[in-house]
Amino acid sequence: MVVWDLLDEPWDEIGAEWNQAGSGISEINPPGYLRHLADPDTYGDTYIGRWTDIGTLPEAGYTVEFRAKVDTYGSADGRLEFQFYDGLHRVMIDIYRDRIYNRDSGIAIYIKNEEGIFYIWRLVIDSDGHSMKVYRNGVYLGDLGEGLDYTTADGTIYASYTKSNSGTCETHTDYLRIATGLHPPKRWLSPTRPIRIPTRRPTREPHLKTEES
C-alpha cells in the first residue's frame, strides 16, 4: 500500500496554499473536482492553473498519481500540464489529445487521450537517475525522463494547468497525490510498441505482468 506522505489533495476545496496562475475559471465544480476552464477569447490568456510549495521533493525517488480528464481540448494545442520541482530537475508532463510530452527534452509518446474520460496517471520519478516512468490506468507507456531541465527550486508543484492558444480547453481533476519512494503499480501491463494487426486473425489479450511492491 502506498502512503501518500508528501501530498494528498482530494480537491474538496481550494485551500489558501494553492495560488492561482493565469486567468480563466478555477473552481471546485462539481464537489470533489477541480475544474479549470481556459478560453483565450474570453479571458485574454492561454492558461489557468494552481501552484503550491510543499517544501521539498526527494530527487532520489518519488511517485505522483492523479486522476483527471480533459472535457475538451478546444484546439490542436490544448493540453493538461503538471510540473514538479525537486531541487535537481523540473519534471513535467503535458497531456495532449494524441500524445504525452516532455517539453524540456522534446520527447513524446504518441497515444490517444480521449475527451471526457477520466484516466489515472502515475509518474514514478527518479530524478537522480533522469527517469520518469509514466503509467496510465496501470499500463506502462514509457519513460519521459531524458532531458529534464536542471533547477535548484525545490518543492514547487504546478497542478492541473489547462492551456490552449485558441479555443476553449476544460479539465477536471479528481485528486493529486505524492509519495516518497518509487512505487510502480503492483500489476501493470508490459509496454508494447504500436503494431499492425493483420485482419482475419484472432488477437490475444495483452500479457499481464505482476511486479512485487
N, C-alpha and C. Protein backbone atom coordinates (compact mmCIF):
# COMPACT_ATOMS: atom_id res chain seq x y z
N MET A 1 0.83 -1.19 0.00
CA MET A 1 0.00 0.00 0.00
C MET A 1 0.87 1.25 0.00
N VAL A 2 0.59 2.17 -0.90
CA VAL A 2 1.37 3.40 -0.99
C VAL A 2 0.86 4.40 0.06
N VAL A 3 1.78 4.97 0.80
CA VAL A 3 1.45 6.02 1.76
C VAL A 3 1.77 7.36 1.11
N TRP A 4 0.75 8.15 0.87
CA TRP A 4 0.92 9.43 0.18
C TRP A 4 1.32 10.49 1.21
N ASP A 5 2.60 10.43 1.61
CA ASP A 5 3.07 11.22 2.74
C ASP A 5 3.45 12.65 2.38
N LEU A 6 3.70 12.93 1.11
CA LEU A 6 4.14 14.27 0.73
C LEU A 6 2.97 15.18 0.34
N LEU A 7 1.96 14.61 -0.28
CA LEU A 7 0.78 15.39 -0.66
C LEU A 7 -0.38 14.42 -0.90
N ASP A 8 -1.55 14.78 -0.38
CA ASP A 8 -2.77 14.01 -0.65
C ASP A 8 -3.91 15.02 -0.76
N GLU A 9 -4.13 15.51 -1.98
CA GLU A 9 -5.09 16.59 -2.23
C GLU A 9 -6.34 16.00 -2.89
N PRO A 10 -7.47 15.93 -2.15
CA PRO A 10 -8.70 15.37 -2.71
C PRO A 10 -9.56 16.38 -3.47
N TRP A 11 -9.15 17.63 -3.45
CA TRP A 11 -9.90 18.72 -4.10
C TRP A 11 -11.35 18.82 -3.60
N ASP A 12 -11.48 18.69 -2.26
CA ASP A 12 -12.77 19.01 -1.65
C ASP A 12 -12.97 20.52 -1.59
N GLU A 13 -11.85 21.23 -1.56
CA GLU A 13 -11.85 22.69 -1.57
C GLU A 13 -10.51 23.17 -2.11
N ILE A 14 -10.44 24.43 -2.46
CA ILE A 14 -9.16 25.02 -2.88
C ILE A 14 -8.59 25.75 -1.67
N GLY A 15 -7.59 25.14 -1.04
CA GLY A 15 -7.01 25.74 0.15
C GLY A 15 -6.20 26.99 -0.18
N ALA A 16 -5.94 27.77 0.87
CA ALA A 16 -5.22 29.03 0.69
C ALA A 16 -3.80 28.81 0.19
N GLU A 17 -3.27 27.60 0.39
CA GLU A 17 -1.89 27.32 -0.06
C GLU A 17 -1.80 27.15 -1.56
N TRP A 18 -2.94 27.00 -2.23
CA TRP A 18 -2.95 26.83 -3.68
C TRP A 18 -3.18 28.18 -4.35
N ASN A 19 -2.14 28.71 -4.97
CA ASN A 19 -2.19 30.00 -5.64
C ASN A 19 -2.69 29.83 -7.07
N GLN A 20 -3.44 30.80 -7.55
CA GLN A 20 -3.90 30.75 -8.94
C GLN A 20 -2.90 31.40 -9.86
N ALA A 21 -2.73 30.82 -11.03
CA ALA A 21 -1.88 31.39 -12.07
C ALA A 21 -2.69 31.46 -13.36
N GLY A 22 -2.43 32.49 -14.15
CA GLY A 22 -3.18 32.66 -15.38
C GLY A 22 -4.55 33.22 -15.11
N SER A 23 -5.40 33.14 -16.11
CA SER A 23 -6.75 33.68 -15.98
C SER A 23 -7.73 32.71 -16.62
N GLY A 24 -8.92 32.73 -16.09
CA GLY A 24 -9.95 31.80 -16.53
C GLY A 24 -10.74 31.37 -15.31
N ILE A 25 -11.35 30.22 -15.37
CA ILE A 25 -12.13 29.69 -14.27
C ILE A 25 -11.36 28.59 -13.56
N SER A 26 -11.19 28.72 -12.24
CA SER A 26 -10.60 27.71 -11.39
C SER A 26 -11.50 27.56 -10.19
N GLU A 27 -12.19 26.43 -10.06
CA GLU A 27 -13.21 26.27 -9.04
C GLU A 27 -13.39 24.79 -8.70
N ILE A 28 -14.05 24.54 -7.57
CA ILE A 28 -14.49 23.19 -7.23
C ILE A 28 -15.89 23.02 -7.79
N ASN A 29 -16.00 22.20 -8.83
CA ASN A 29 -17.28 22.01 -9.51
C ASN A 29 -17.18 20.84 -10.47
N PRO A 30 -17.94 19.75 -10.18
CA PRO A 30 -18.80 19.51 -9.01
C PRO A 30 -17.97 19.27 -7.76
N PRO A 31 -18.62 19.08 -6.60
CA PRO A 31 -17.86 18.86 -5.36
C PRO A 31 -16.87 17.71 -5.49
N GLY A 32 -15.64 17.96 -5.04
CA GLY A 32 -14.60 16.95 -5.10
C GLY A 32 -13.77 16.96 -6.37
N TYR A 33 -14.00 17.94 -7.24
CA TYR A 33 -13.27 18.02 -8.51
C TYR A 33 -12.81 19.45 -8.75
N LEU A 34 -11.54 19.58 -9.12
CA LEU A 34 -11.00 20.87 -9.51
C LEU A 34 -11.28 21.08 -11.00
N ARG A 35 -12.08 22.09 -11.29
CA ARG A 35 -12.44 22.39 -12.68
C ARG A 35 -11.65 23.59 -13.16
N HIS A 36 -11.03 23.45 -14.32
CA HIS A 36 -10.32 24.56 -14.94
C HIS A 36 -10.86 24.78 -16.35
N LEU A 37 -11.05 26.05 -16.68
CA LEU A 37 -11.54 26.43 -18.00
C LEU A 37 -10.66 27.56 -18.52
N ALA A 38 -9.95 27.29 -19.59
CA ALA A 38 -9.11 28.30 -20.24
C ALA A 38 -9.75 28.66 -21.57
N ASP A 39 -9.95 29.94 -21.77
CA ASP A 39 -10.56 30.43 -23.01
C ASP A 39 -9.88 31.74 -23.37
N PRO A 40 -8.88 31.72 -24.26
CA PRO A 40 -8.16 32.94 -24.61
C PRO A 40 -9.07 34.04 -25.15
N ASP A 41 -10.12 33.67 -25.86
CA ASP A 41 -11.00 34.68 -26.44
C ASP A 41 -11.77 35.44 -25.37
N THR A 42 -12.07 34.76 -24.25
CA THR A 42 -12.85 35.38 -23.18
C THR A 42 -11.99 36.00 -22.10
N TYR A 43 -10.93 35.27 -21.68
CA TYR A 43 -10.16 35.69 -20.52
C TYR A 43 -8.81 36.31 -20.87
N GLY A 44 -8.46 36.34 -22.11
CA GLY A 44 -7.27 37.05 -22.55
C GLY A 44 -5.96 36.41 -22.17
N ASP A 45 -5.96 35.14 -21.84
CA ASP A 45 -4.73 34.44 -21.51
C ASP A 45 -4.80 33.04 -22.11
N THR A 46 -3.71 32.31 -22.02
CA THR A 46 -3.66 31.00 -22.66
C THR A 46 -3.76 29.84 -21.67
N TYR A 47 -3.83 30.14 -20.36
CA TYR A 47 -3.84 29.05 -19.40
C TYR A 47 -4.48 29.47 -18.08
N ILE A 48 -4.85 28.44 -17.30
CA ILE A 48 -5.29 28.62 -15.92
C ILE A 48 -4.76 27.44 -15.13
N GLY A 49 -4.23 27.70 -13.93
CA GLY A 49 -3.68 26.61 -13.14
C GLY A 49 -3.55 26.99 -11.68
N ARG A 50 -3.10 26.03 -10.88
CA ARG A 50 -2.84 26.24 -9.45
C ARG A 50 -1.43 25.77 -9.14
N TRP A 51 -0.77 26.47 -8.19
CA TRP A 51 0.55 26.05 -7.78
C TRP A 51 0.71 26.22 -6.27
N THR A 52 1.60 25.41 -5.70
CA THR A 52 1.88 25.48 -4.28
C THR A 52 3.32 25.05 -4.05
N ASP A 53 3.79 25.19 -2.81
CA ASP A 53 5.13 24.76 -2.42
C ASP A 53 5.01 23.89 -1.18
N ILE A 54 5.43 22.63 -1.29
CA ILE A 54 5.34 21.72 -0.15
C ILE A 54 6.67 21.57 0.59
N GLY A 55 7.65 22.38 0.23
CA GLY A 55 8.92 22.41 0.96
C GLY A 55 10.04 21.69 0.26
N THR A 56 9.84 20.40 -0.04
CA THR A 56 10.89 19.64 -0.70
C THR A 56 10.31 18.41 -1.37
N LEU A 57 10.97 17.96 -2.42
CA LEU A 57 10.66 16.69 -3.08
C LEU A 57 11.97 15.91 -3.18
N PRO A 58 11.96 14.61 -2.88
CA PRO A 58 13.20 13.83 -2.83
C PRO A 58 13.67 13.42 -4.22
N GLU A 59 14.78 13.98 -4.66
CA GLU A 59 15.26 13.64 -6.00
C GLU A 59 15.68 12.17 -6.12
N ALA A 60 15.89 11.50 -4.98
CA ALA A 60 16.23 10.08 -5.00
C ALA A 60 15.05 9.21 -5.38
N GLY A 61 13.83 9.77 -5.33
CA GLY A 61 12.69 8.99 -5.76
C GLY A 61 11.38 9.44 -5.14
N TYR A 62 10.38 9.70 -5.97
CA TYR A 62 9.03 9.99 -5.50
C TYR A 62 8.03 9.59 -6.58
N THR A 63 6.80 9.40 -6.15
CA THR A 63 5.75 8.92 -7.03
C THR A 63 4.57 9.87 -6.99
N VAL A 64 4.07 10.21 -8.17
CA VAL A 64 2.93 11.12 -8.31
C VAL A 64 1.77 10.33 -8.92
N GLU A 65 0.58 10.57 -8.40
CA GLU A 65 -0.60 9.99 -9.03
C GLU A 65 -1.71 11.04 -9.06
N PHE A 66 -2.41 11.12 -10.19
CA PHE A 66 -3.58 11.99 -10.28
C PHE A 66 -4.60 11.35 -11.21
N ARG A 67 -5.86 11.67 -10.95
CA ARG A 67 -6.96 11.21 -11.80
C ARG A 67 -7.59 12.44 -12.42
N ALA A 68 -7.64 12.47 -13.73
CA ALA A 68 -8.08 13.69 -14.40
C ALA A 68 -8.68 13.35 -15.76
N LYS A 69 -9.47 14.28 -16.26
CA LYS A 69 -9.99 14.17 -17.62
C LYS A 69 -9.91 15.53 -18.29
N VAL A 70 -9.81 15.50 -19.61
CA VAL A 70 -9.94 16.70 -20.42
C VAL A 70 -11.32 16.65 -21.05
N ASP A 71 -12.18 17.57 -20.65
CA ASP A 71 -13.53 17.60 -21.20
C ASP A 71 -13.50 17.99 -22.67
N THR A 72 -12.70 19.00 -22.97
CA THR A 72 -12.49 19.40 -24.35
C THR A 72 -11.13 20.04 -24.49
N TYR A 73 -10.39 19.65 -25.53
CA TYR A 73 -9.08 20.25 -25.79
C TYR A 73 -9.20 21.61 -26.45
N GLY A 74 -10.26 21.83 -27.18
CA GLY A 74 -10.51 23.12 -27.79
C GLY A 74 -9.77 23.37 -29.08
N SER A 75 -8.55 22.87 -29.18
CA SER A 75 -7.73 23.07 -30.38
C SER A 75 -6.60 22.06 -30.34
N ALA A 76 -5.81 22.03 -31.40
CA ALA A 76 -4.72 21.05 -31.50
C ALA A 76 -3.69 21.23 -30.40
N ASP A 77 -3.54 22.45 -29.89
CA ASP A 77 -2.53 22.70 -28.86
C ASP A 77 -3.11 22.65 -27.45
N GLY A 78 -4.41 22.36 -27.28
CA GLY A 78 -5.00 22.26 -25.96
C GLY A 78 -4.36 21.12 -25.17
N ARG A 79 -4.14 21.33 -23.86
CA ARG A 79 -3.44 20.31 -23.08
C ARG A 79 -3.64 20.51 -21.58
N LEU A 80 -3.33 19.45 -20.85
CA LEU A 80 -3.31 19.45 -19.39
C LEU A 80 -1.87 19.22 -18.95
N GLU A 81 -1.39 20.05 -18.02
CA GLU A 81 0.04 20.02 -17.69
C GLU A 81 0.26 19.98 -16.18
N PHE A 82 1.28 19.20 -15.77
CA PHE A 82 1.74 19.16 -14.38
C PHE A 82 3.26 19.34 -14.37
N GLN A 83 3.76 20.05 -13.33
CA GLN A 83 5.20 20.23 -13.17
C GLN A 83 5.57 20.03 -11.70
N PHE A 84 6.77 19.45 -11.50
CA PHE A 84 7.27 19.18 -10.15
C PHE A 84 8.74 19.56 -10.08
N TYR A 85 9.08 20.44 -9.12
CA TYR A 85 10.45 20.90 -8.94
C TYR A 85 11.04 20.20 -7.72
N ASP A 86 12.15 19.46 -7.91
CA ASP A 86 12.67 18.64 -6.81
C ASP A 86 14.08 19.01 -6.37
N GLY A 87 14.53 20.20 -6.72
CA GLY A 87 15.87 20.63 -6.31
C GLY A 87 16.97 20.21 -7.26
N LEU A 88 16.64 19.32 -8.18
CA LEU A 88 17.60 18.88 -9.18
C LEU A 88 17.05 19.11 -10.59
N HIS A 89 15.78 18.78 -10.78
CA HIS A 89 15.15 18.92 -12.09
C HIS A 89 13.76 19.53 -11.98
N ARG A 90 13.32 20.12 -13.08
CA ARG A 90 11.91 20.36 -13.29
C ARG A 90 11.37 19.16 -14.05
N VAL A 91 10.45 18.44 -13.42
CA VAL A 91 9.87 17.25 -14.03
C VAL A 91 8.46 17.61 -14.49
N MET A 92 8.19 17.42 -15.77
CA MET A 92 6.92 17.90 -16.30
C MET A 92 6.32 16.90 -17.27
N ILE A 93 4.99 16.98 -17.38
CA ILE A 93 4.27 16.18 -18.36
C ILE A 93 3.13 17.02 -18.93
N ASP A 94 3.03 17.03 -20.25
CA ASP A 94 1.91 17.65 -20.95
C ASP A 94 1.08 16.54 -21.57
N ILE A 95 -0.23 16.59 -21.35
CA ILE A 95 -1.14 15.59 -21.89
C ILE A 95 -1.95 16.24 -23.01
N TYR A 96 -1.68 15.81 -24.24
CA TYR A 96 -2.39 16.30 -25.41
C TYR A 96 -3.39 15.25 -25.88
N ARG A 97 -4.16 15.60 -26.86
CA ARG A 97 -5.14 14.69 -27.43
C ARG A 97 -4.49 13.42 -28.00
N ASP A 98 -3.30 13.57 -28.59
CA ASP A 98 -2.68 12.46 -29.31
C ASP A 98 -1.33 12.03 -28.76
N ARG A 99 -0.92 12.58 -27.60
CA ARG A 99 0.41 12.24 -27.09
C ARG A 99 0.57 12.75 -25.66
N ILE A 100 1.61 12.24 -24.99
CA ILE A 100 2.12 12.86 -23.78
C ILE A 100 3.52 13.35 -24.10
N TYR A 101 3.96 14.41 -23.42
CA TYR A 101 5.10 15.16 -23.94
C TYR A 101 5.90 15.77 -22.80
N ASN A 102 7.23 15.73 -22.94
CA ASN A 102 8.15 16.46 -22.07
C ASN A 102 8.71 17.62 -22.89
N ARG A 103 8.24 18.82 -22.63
CA ARG A 103 8.65 19.97 -23.46
C ARG A 103 10.11 20.33 -23.30
N ASP A 104 10.72 19.97 -22.17
CA ASP A 104 12.13 20.31 -21.96
C ASP A 104 13.04 19.51 -22.90
N SER A 105 12.69 18.25 -23.13
CA SER A 105 13.53 17.41 -23.97
C SER A 105 12.98 17.24 -25.38
N GLY A 106 11.69 17.51 -25.54
CA GLY A 106 11.04 17.28 -26.83
C GLY A 106 10.63 15.83 -27.04
N ILE A 107 10.73 15.01 -25.99
CA ILE A 107 10.35 13.60 -26.10
C ILE A 107 8.83 13.48 -26.00
N ALA A 108 8.24 12.71 -26.91
CA ALA A 108 6.81 12.49 -26.91
C ALA A 108 6.53 11.00 -27.01
N ILE A 109 5.46 10.57 -26.36
CA ILE A 109 4.93 9.22 -26.52
C ILE A 109 3.54 9.38 -27.12
N TYR A 110 3.34 8.83 -28.29
CA TYR A 110 2.09 9.05 -29.01
C TYR A 110 1.05 8.02 -28.58
N ILE A 111 -0.01 8.53 -27.99
CA ILE A 111 -1.11 7.71 -27.51
C ILE A 111 -2.36 8.59 -27.46
N LYS A 112 -3.49 8.03 -27.80
CA LYS A 112 -4.72 8.80 -27.84
C LYS A 112 -5.28 8.99 -26.44
N ASN A 113 -5.57 10.24 -26.09
CA ASN A 113 -6.18 10.59 -24.81
C ASN A 113 -7.55 11.19 -25.09
N GLU A 114 -8.58 10.40 -24.88
CA GLU A 114 -9.93 10.78 -25.28
C GLU A 114 -10.48 11.93 -24.43
N GLU A 115 -11.30 12.75 -25.05
CA GLU A 115 -12.04 13.75 -24.32
C GLU A 115 -13.12 13.09 -23.47
N GLY A 116 -13.37 13.66 -22.28
CA GLY A 116 -14.48 13.22 -21.45
C GLY A 116 -14.25 11.94 -20.68
N ILE A 117 -13.02 11.40 -20.68
CA ILE A 117 -12.72 10.15 -19.98
C ILE A 117 -11.70 10.43 -18.88
N PHE A 118 -12.01 9.98 -17.66
CA PHE A 118 -11.04 10.07 -16.57
C PHE A 118 -9.98 8.99 -16.74
N TYR A 119 -8.71 9.40 -16.64
CA TYR A 119 -7.59 8.48 -16.62
C TYR A 119 -6.85 8.64 -15.30
N ILE A 120 -6.32 7.53 -14.80
CA ILE A 120 -5.44 7.57 -13.62
C ILE A 120 -4.00 7.54 -14.12
N TRP A 121 -3.28 8.61 -13.85
CA TRP A 121 -1.89 8.73 -14.27
C TRP A 121 -0.98 8.52 -13.06
N ARG A 122 0.06 7.71 -13.24
CA ARG A 122 1.06 7.55 -12.20
C ARG A 122 2.43 7.81 -12.81
N LEU A 123 3.19 8.69 -12.15
CA LEU A 123 4.54 9.06 -12.57
C LEU A 123 5.51 8.57 -11.51
N VAL A 124 6.40 7.68 -11.88
CA VAL A 124 7.41 7.15 -10.96
C VAL A 124 8.73 7.84 -11.30
N ILE A 125 9.14 8.75 -10.44
CA ILE A 125 10.19 9.71 -10.77
C ILE A 125 11.47 9.43 -9.97
N ASP A 126 12.54 9.12 -10.68
CA ASP A 126 13.88 9.00 -10.12
C ASP A 126 14.70 10.13 -10.73
N SER A 127 14.67 11.27 -10.09
CA SER A 127 15.33 12.44 -10.66
C SER A 127 16.84 12.25 -10.74
N ASP A 128 17.43 11.61 -9.72
CA ASP A 128 18.87 11.31 -9.76
C ASP A 128 19.22 10.48 -10.99
N GLY A 129 18.32 9.58 -11.36
CA GLY A 129 18.56 8.69 -12.48
C GLY A 129 17.99 9.17 -13.79
N HIS A 130 17.52 10.43 -13.84
CA HIS A 130 16.95 11.01 -15.05
C HIS A 130 15.83 10.13 -15.62
N SER A 131 14.91 9.76 -14.76
CA SER A 131 13.85 8.85 -15.18
C SER A 131 12.50 9.31 -14.67
N MET A 132 11.50 9.28 -15.55
CA MET A 132 10.10 9.48 -15.17
C MET A 132 9.28 8.44 -15.94
N LYS A 133 8.97 7.35 -15.28
CA LYS A 133 8.18 6.30 -15.90
C LYS A 133 6.70 6.65 -15.78
N VAL A 134 5.99 6.56 -16.90
CA VAL A 134 4.60 7.00 -16.96
C VAL A 134 3.68 5.80 -17.14
N TYR A 135 2.66 5.73 -16.27
CA TYR A 135 1.63 4.71 -16.35
C TYR A 135 0.27 5.39 -16.49
N ARG A 136 -0.57 4.83 -17.33
CA ARG A 136 -1.95 5.31 -17.45
C ARG A 136 -2.89 4.14 -17.24
N ASN A 137 -3.74 4.25 -16.23
CA ASN A 137 -4.66 3.16 -15.88
C ASN A 137 -3.91 1.82 -15.73
N GLY A 138 -2.71 1.90 -15.14
CA GLY A 138 -1.93 0.70 -14.88
C GLY A 138 -1.10 0.20 -16.04
N VAL A 139 -1.20 0.85 -17.19
CA VAL A 139 -0.44 0.45 -18.37
C VAL A 139 0.82 1.31 -18.48
N TYR A 140 1.97 0.67 -18.57
CA TYR A 140 3.23 1.40 -18.71
C TYR A 140 3.35 1.94 -20.13
N LEU A 141 3.53 3.26 -20.24
CA LEU A 141 3.61 3.91 -21.55
C LEU A 141 5.04 4.19 -21.99
N GLY A 142 5.96 4.41 -21.05
CA GLY A 142 7.33 4.73 -21.41
C GLY A 142 7.95 5.68 -20.41
N ASP A 143 9.17 6.12 -20.72
CA ASP A 143 9.95 6.97 -19.83
C ASP A 143 10.16 8.33 -20.48
N LEU A 144 9.71 9.39 -19.80
CA LEU A 144 9.88 10.75 -20.30
C LEU A 144 10.96 11.51 -19.54
N GLY A 145 11.85 10.79 -18.89
CA GLY A 145 12.82 11.44 -18.01
C GLY A 145 14.04 12.03 -18.69
N GLU A 146 14.32 11.67 -19.92
CA GLU A 146 15.52 12.18 -20.58
C GLU A 146 15.38 13.67 -20.86
N GLY A 147 16.46 14.41 -20.64
CA GLY A 147 16.47 15.83 -20.98
C GLY A 147 15.73 16.72 -20.02
N LEU A 148 15.60 16.31 -18.75
CA LEU A 148 14.92 17.14 -17.76
C LEU A 148 15.70 18.43 -17.55
N ASP A 149 14.98 19.49 -17.26
CA ASP A 149 15.58 20.81 -17.08
C ASP A 149 16.13 20.94 -15.65
N TYR A 150 17.40 21.32 -15.52
CA TYR A 150 18.01 21.46 -14.20
C TYR A 150 17.46 22.69 -13.49
N THR A 151 17.28 22.57 -12.16
CA THR A 151 16.79 23.68 -11.36
C THR A 151 17.21 23.47 -9.91
N THR A 152 17.34 24.55 -9.17
CA THR A 152 17.59 24.46 -7.73
C THR A 152 16.31 24.65 -6.93
N ALA A 153 15.22 25.03 -7.60
CA ALA A 153 13.94 25.18 -6.91
C ALA A 153 13.49 23.81 -6.40
N ASP A 154 12.92 23.80 -5.19
CA ASP A 154 12.57 22.52 -4.57
C ASP A 154 11.20 22.61 -3.91
N GLY A 155 10.33 21.65 -4.24
CA GLY A 155 9.05 21.55 -3.57
C GLY A 155 7.90 22.27 -4.24
N THR A 156 8.17 22.96 -5.34
CA THR A 156 7.10 23.67 -6.04
C THR A 156 6.36 22.72 -6.98
N ILE A 157 5.03 22.83 -6.95
CA ILE A 157 4.17 21.97 -7.75
C ILE A 157 3.21 22.83 -8.55
N TYR A 158 3.17 22.59 -9.85
CA TYR A 158 2.20 23.25 -10.72
C TYR A 158 1.17 22.20 -11.11
N ALA A 159 -0.08 22.41 -10.72
CA ALA A 159 -1.10 21.38 -10.84
C ALA A 159 -2.20 21.77 -11.81
N SER A 160 -2.57 20.82 -12.64
CA SER A 160 -3.77 20.93 -13.49
C SER A 160 -3.76 22.19 -14.35
N TYR A 161 -2.58 22.55 -14.87
CA TYR A 161 -2.53 23.70 -15.78
C TYR A 161 -3.26 23.33 -17.07
N THR A 162 -4.25 24.11 -17.38
CA THR A 162 -5.11 23.88 -18.54
C THR A 162 -4.79 24.96 -19.55
N LYS A 163 -4.30 24.56 -20.73
CA LYS A 163 -3.73 25.52 -21.67
C LYS A 163 -4.32 25.35 -23.06
N SER A 164 -4.51 26.48 -23.72
CA SER A 164 -4.95 26.48 -25.12
C SER A 164 -4.65 27.84 -25.71
N ASN A 165 -3.98 27.84 -26.84
CA ASN A 165 -3.69 29.10 -27.52
C ASN A 165 -4.87 29.60 -28.33
N SER A 166 -5.82 28.72 -28.59
CA SER A 166 -7.04 29.11 -29.30
C SER A 166 -8.12 28.10 -28.96
N GLY A 167 -9.32 28.56 -28.75
CA GLY A 167 -10.41 27.66 -28.39
C GLY A 167 -10.45 27.40 -26.90
N THR A 168 -11.56 26.88 -26.43
CA THR A 168 -11.78 26.64 -25.01
C THR A 168 -11.28 25.27 -24.61
N CYS A 169 -10.42 25.21 -23.59
CA CYS A 169 -9.94 23.96 -23.03
C CYS A 169 -10.46 23.83 -21.61
N GLU A 170 -11.07 22.69 -21.30
CA GLU A 170 -11.68 22.47 -19.98
C GLU A 170 -11.21 21.13 -19.42
N THR A 171 -10.87 21.13 -18.11
CA THR A 171 -10.40 19.90 -17.47
C THR A 171 -11.04 19.76 -16.08
N HIS A 172 -11.06 18.53 -15.60
CA HIS A 172 -11.45 18.23 -14.22
C HIS A 172 -10.40 17.30 -13.62
N THR A 173 -9.95 17.61 -12.40
CA THR A 173 -9.01 16.76 -11.68
C THR A 173 -9.65 16.28 -10.39
N ASP A 174 -9.62 14.97 -10.19
CA ASP A 174 -10.26 14.35 -9.03
C ASP A 174 -9.37 14.43 -7.79
N TYR A 175 -8.08 14.09 -7.95
CA TYR A 175 -7.16 14.15 -6.82
C TYR A 175 -5.73 14.25 -7.35
N LEU A 176 -4.83 14.65 -6.45
CA LEU A 176 -3.39 14.70 -6.73
C LEU A 176 -2.67 14.21 -5.49
N ARG A 177 -1.78 13.21 -5.67
CA ARG A 177 -1.08 12.60 -4.55
C ARG A 177 0.40 12.44 -4.87
N ILE A 178 1.23 12.57 -3.83
CA ILE A 178 2.67 12.37 -3.99
C ILE A 178 3.19 11.58 -2.81
N ALA A 179 4.02 10.57 -3.09
CA ALA A 179 4.59 9.71 -2.05
C ALA A 179 6.10 9.64 -2.19
N THR A 180 6.78 9.50 -1.07
CA THR A 180 8.21 9.23 -1.07
C THR A 180 8.47 7.83 -1.62
N GLY A 181 9.49 7.70 -2.47
CA GLY A 181 9.88 6.40 -2.98
C GLY A 181 9.31 6.10 -4.36
N LEU A 182 9.79 5.02 -4.94
CA LEU A 182 9.40 4.60 -6.29
C LEU A 182 8.34 3.51 -6.18
N HIS A 183 7.14 3.79 -6.65
CA HIS A 183 6.01 2.89 -6.47
C HIS A 183 5.29 2.64 -7.80
N PRO A 184 5.82 1.79 -8.65
CA PRO A 184 5.05 1.42 -9.84
C PRO A 184 3.81 0.65 -9.42
N PRO A 185 2.77 0.62 -10.25
CA PRO A 185 1.59 -0.18 -9.90
C PRO A 185 1.99 -1.63 -9.65
N LYS A 186 1.31 -2.28 -8.71
CA LYS A 186 1.65 -3.66 -8.38
C LYS A 186 1.38 -4.59 -9.55
N ARG A 187 0.35 -4.26 -10.34
CA ARG A 187 0.06 -5.05 -11.53
C ARG A 187 0.02 -4.08 -12.71
N TRP A 188 0.84 -4.37 -13.69
CA TRP A 188 0.89 -3.46 -14.82
C TRP A 188 1.10 -4.23 -16.11
N LEU A 189 0.58 -3.67 -17.18
CA LEU A 189 0.74 -4.28 -18.50
C LEU A 189 2.11 -3.94 -19.05
N SER A 190 2.75 -4.91 -19.69
CA SER A 190 4.06 -4.67 -20.28
C SER A 190 3.97 -3.61 -21.37
N PRO A 191 4.99 -2.75 -21.49
CA PRO A 191 4.99 -1.78 -22.57
C PRO A 191 5.07 -2.49 -23.92
N THR A 192 4.36 -1.98 -24.90
CA THR A 192 4.41 -2.54 -26.24
C THR A 192 4.59 -1.43 -27.25
N ARG A 193 5.20 -1.75 -28.36
CA ARG A 193 5.29 -0.81 -29.46
C ARG A 193 4.04 -0.94 -30.31
N PRO A 194 3.65 0.16 -30.99
CA PRO A 194 2.48 0.05 -31.87
C PRO A 194 2.70 -1.03 -32.92
N ILE A 195 1.71 -1.89 -33.11
CA ILE A 195 1.83 -2.95 -34.10
C ILE A 195 0.62 -2.94 -35.01
N ARG A 196 0.81 -3.41 -36.21
CA ARG A 196 -0.29 -3.54 -37.16
C ARG A 196 -0.80 -4.98 -37.08
N ILE A 197 -2.05 -5.13 -36.67
CA ILE A 197 -2.62 -6.46 -36.51
C ILE A 197 -3.30 -6.86 -37.82
N PRO A 198 -2.87 -7.98 -38.42
CA PRO A 198 -3.50 -8.41 -39.67
C PRO A 198 -4.98 -8.71 -39.46
N THR A 199 -5.78 -8.46 -40.49
CA THR A 199 -7.20 -8.77 -40.42
C THR A 199 -7.42 -10.27 -40.49
N ARG A 200 -8.57 -10.69 -39.99
CA ARG A 200 -9.00 -12.09 -40.02
C ARG A 200 -8.13 -12.99 -39.16
N ARG A 201 -7.37 -12.40 -38.27
CA ARG A 201 -6.61 -13.20 -37.32
C ARG A 201 -7.09 -12.87 -35.91
N PRO A 202 -7.23 -13.87 -35.07
CA PRO A 202 -7.64 -13.56 -33.68
C PRO A 202 -6.55 -12.80 -32.97
N THR A 203 -6.94 -11.89 -32.10
CA THR A 203 -5.98 -11.15 -31.29
C THR A 203 -6.01 -11.66 -29.87
N ARG A 204 -4.86 -11.61 -29.24
CA ARG A 204 -4.76 -12.08 -27.87
C ARG A 204 -4.75 -10.90 -26.91
N GLU A 205 -5.21 -11.14 -25.71
CA GLU A 205 -5.17 -10.11 -24.68
C GLU A 205 -3.71 -9.80 -24.34
N PRO A 206 -3.38 -8.55 -23.99
CA PRO A 206 -2.01 -8.23 -23.59
C PRO A 206 -1.58 -9.08 -22.40
N HIS A 207 -0.30 -9.43 -22.40
CA HIS A 207 0.24 -10.23 -21.30
C HIS A 207 0.26 -9.39 -20.03
N LEU A 208 -0.31 -9.92 -18.96
CA LEU A 208 -0.36 -9.21 -17.69
C LEU A 208 0.83 -9.60 -16.85
N LYS A 209 1.55 -8.61 -16.41
CA LYS A 209 2.78 -8.85 -15.68
C LYS A 209 2.59 -8.41 -14.24
N THR A 210 3.10 -9.19 -13.33
CA THR A 210 2.99 -8.88 -11.90
C THR A 210 4.33 -8.42 -11.38
N GLU A 211 4.30 -7.30 -10.66
CA GLU A 211 5.54 -6.79 -10.07
C GLU A 211 5.35 -6.66 -8.57
N GLU A 212 6.30 -7.16 -7.82
CA GLU A 212 6.20 -7.09 -6.38
C GLU A 212 6.35 -5.65 -5.92
N SER A 213 5.62 -5.32 -4.83
CA SER A 213 5.72 -3.97 -4.27
C SER A 213 6.98 -3.88 -3.43
